[in-house]
Amino acid sequence: MQVRFPPGPPRRTYYGAIITYMFIAYVLRSLKNSQLLCRIYDNLQQRIETHNKGNVAFTKTKRPWKLILAEAYISQEDALRREKYFKTTQGKTL
């Protein structure tokens, strides 16, 4: 799956307001051992590159990583709630 992002910070309109910052809940799968990684971040493309370059100690030995799901949220609380769901047994079936 190829992910494309427009240059600059994400901008979305929400009931007339301009949103310039979004939180992305994402799930990655290790192609080495099929382990799942669920996190939130504001710049998904940069984070995936960081994981695949080996710059994160926890994910370094499990490279390469493939994006299998990403959802954008306006509030950090909503993104954290979704991340916690992904880490449950029921959430892992997605």
Protein backbone atom coordinates (compact mmCIF):
# COMPACT_ATOMS: atom_id res chain seq x y z
CA MET A 1 0.00 0.00 0.00
CA GLN A 2 1.43 3.36 -1.01
CA VAL A 3 0.55 6.35 1.13
CA ARG A 4 0.55 9.81 -0.40
CA PHE A 5 0.32 12.99 1.61
CA PRO A 6 0.00 16.59 0.45
CA PRO A 7 2.96 18.81 1.31
CA GLY A 8 2.71 20.76 4.55
CA PRO A 9 0.47 20.14 7.53
CA PRO A 10 -2.91 18.47 6.95
CA ARG A 11 -5.77 20.94 6.50
CA ARG A 12 -9.39 19.90 6.78
CA THR A 13 -12.56 21.91 7.29
CA TYR A 14 -14.80 20.90 10.17
CA TYR A 15 -18.06 22.80 10.58
CA GLY A 16 -16.49 25.91 9.11
CA ALA A 17 -13.29 25.74 11.15
CA ILE A 18 -9.93 25.06 9.55
CA ILE A 19 -8.10 22.18 11.20
CA THR A 20 -4.34 22.40 10.80
CA TYR A 21 -3.32 19.53 13.06
CA MET A 22 -4.53 15.94 13.03
CA PHE A 23 -3.64 12.82 14.96
CA ILE A 24 -3.37 9.56 13.04
CA ALA A 25 -3.98 6.20 14.68
CA TYR A 26 -2.13 3.58 12.66
CA VAL A 27 -1.38 -0.12 12.61
CA LEU A 28 1.80 -1.55 11.10
CA ARG A 29 2.59 -5.22 10.49
CA SER A 30 6.11 -6.57 10.55
CA LEU A 31 6.89 -8.49 7.37
CA LYS A 32 9.56 -10.37 9.32
CA ASN A 33 7.41 -11.93 12.05
CA SER A 34 3.84 -10.59 11.47
CA GLN A 35 3.85 -8.66 14.75
CA LEU A 36 1.42 -5.73 14.93
CA LEU A 37 2.36 -2.23 16.07
CA CYS A 38 -0.41 0.22 17.03
CA ARG A 39 0.45 3.86 17.69
CA ILE A 40 -0.63 7.45 17.05
CA TYR A 41 1.44 10.17 15.42
CA ASP A 42 0.89 13.43 13.59
CA ASN A 43 3.07 12.71 10.53
CA LEU A 44 2.46 9.15 9.40
CA GLN A 45 4.72 9.10 6.36
CA GLN A 46 7.70 10.31 8.40
CA ARG A 47 6.97 7.79 11.17
CA ILE A 48 6.79 4.81 8.80
CA GLU A 49 10.10 5.85 7.25
CA THR A 50 11.63 6.13 10.74
CA HIS A 51 10.46 2.62 11.64
CA ASN A 52 11.74 1.12 8.38
CA LYS A 53 15.12 2.86 8.59
CA GLY A 54 15.74 1.31 12.00
CA ASN A 55 15.78 4.55 13.97
CA VAL A 56 13.37 3.19 16.61
CA ALA A 57 14.99 0.68 18.97
CA PHE A 58 11.83 -1.39 19.55
CA THR A 59 11.03 -1.83 15.85
CA LYS A 60 14.58 -2.03 14.50
CA THR A 61 14.90 -5.83 14.62
CA LYS A 62 11.43 -6.42 13.15
CA ARG A 63 11.85 -4.50 9.89
CA PRO A 64 10.40 -4.04 7.31
CA TRP A 65 7.00 -2.68 8.38
CA LYS A 66 3.89 -2.40 6.22
CA LEU A 67 1.00 -0.03 6.88
CA ILE A 68 -2.25 -1.97 7.17
CA LEU A 69 -4.58 0.67 8.66
CA ALA A 70 -4.59 4.42 9.31
CA GLU A 71 -7.36 6.64 10.66
CA ALA A 72 -7.18 10.43 11.14
CA TYR A 73 -8.68 12.21 14.15
CA ILE A 74 -9.00 15.86 15.08
CA SER A 75 -8.60 15.26 18.81
CA GLN A 76 -5.76 13.40 20.48
CA GLU A 77 -8.21 11.79 22.91
CA ASP A 78 -10.13 10.14 20.05
CA ALA A 79 -6.91 8.89 18.48
CA LEU A 80 -5.72 7.46 21.82
CA ARG A 81 -9.07 5.75 22.34
CA ARG A 82 -8.78 4.12 18.91
CA GLU A 83 -5.16 3.08 19.55
CA LYS A 84 -6.23 1.37 22.78
CA TYR A 85 -8.99 -0.46 20.87
CA PHE A 86 -6.49 -1.69 18.26
CA LYS A 87 -4.44 -3.21 21.07
CA THR A 88 -7.36 -5.31 22.35
CA THR A 89 -8.06 -8.84 21.17
CA GLN A 90 -11.15 -7.65 19.32
CA GLY A 91 -9.25 -4.77 17.71
CA LYS A 92 -6.51 -7.07 16.44
CA THR A 93 -9.05 -8.96 14.31
CA LEU A 94 -9.36 -5.92 12.03
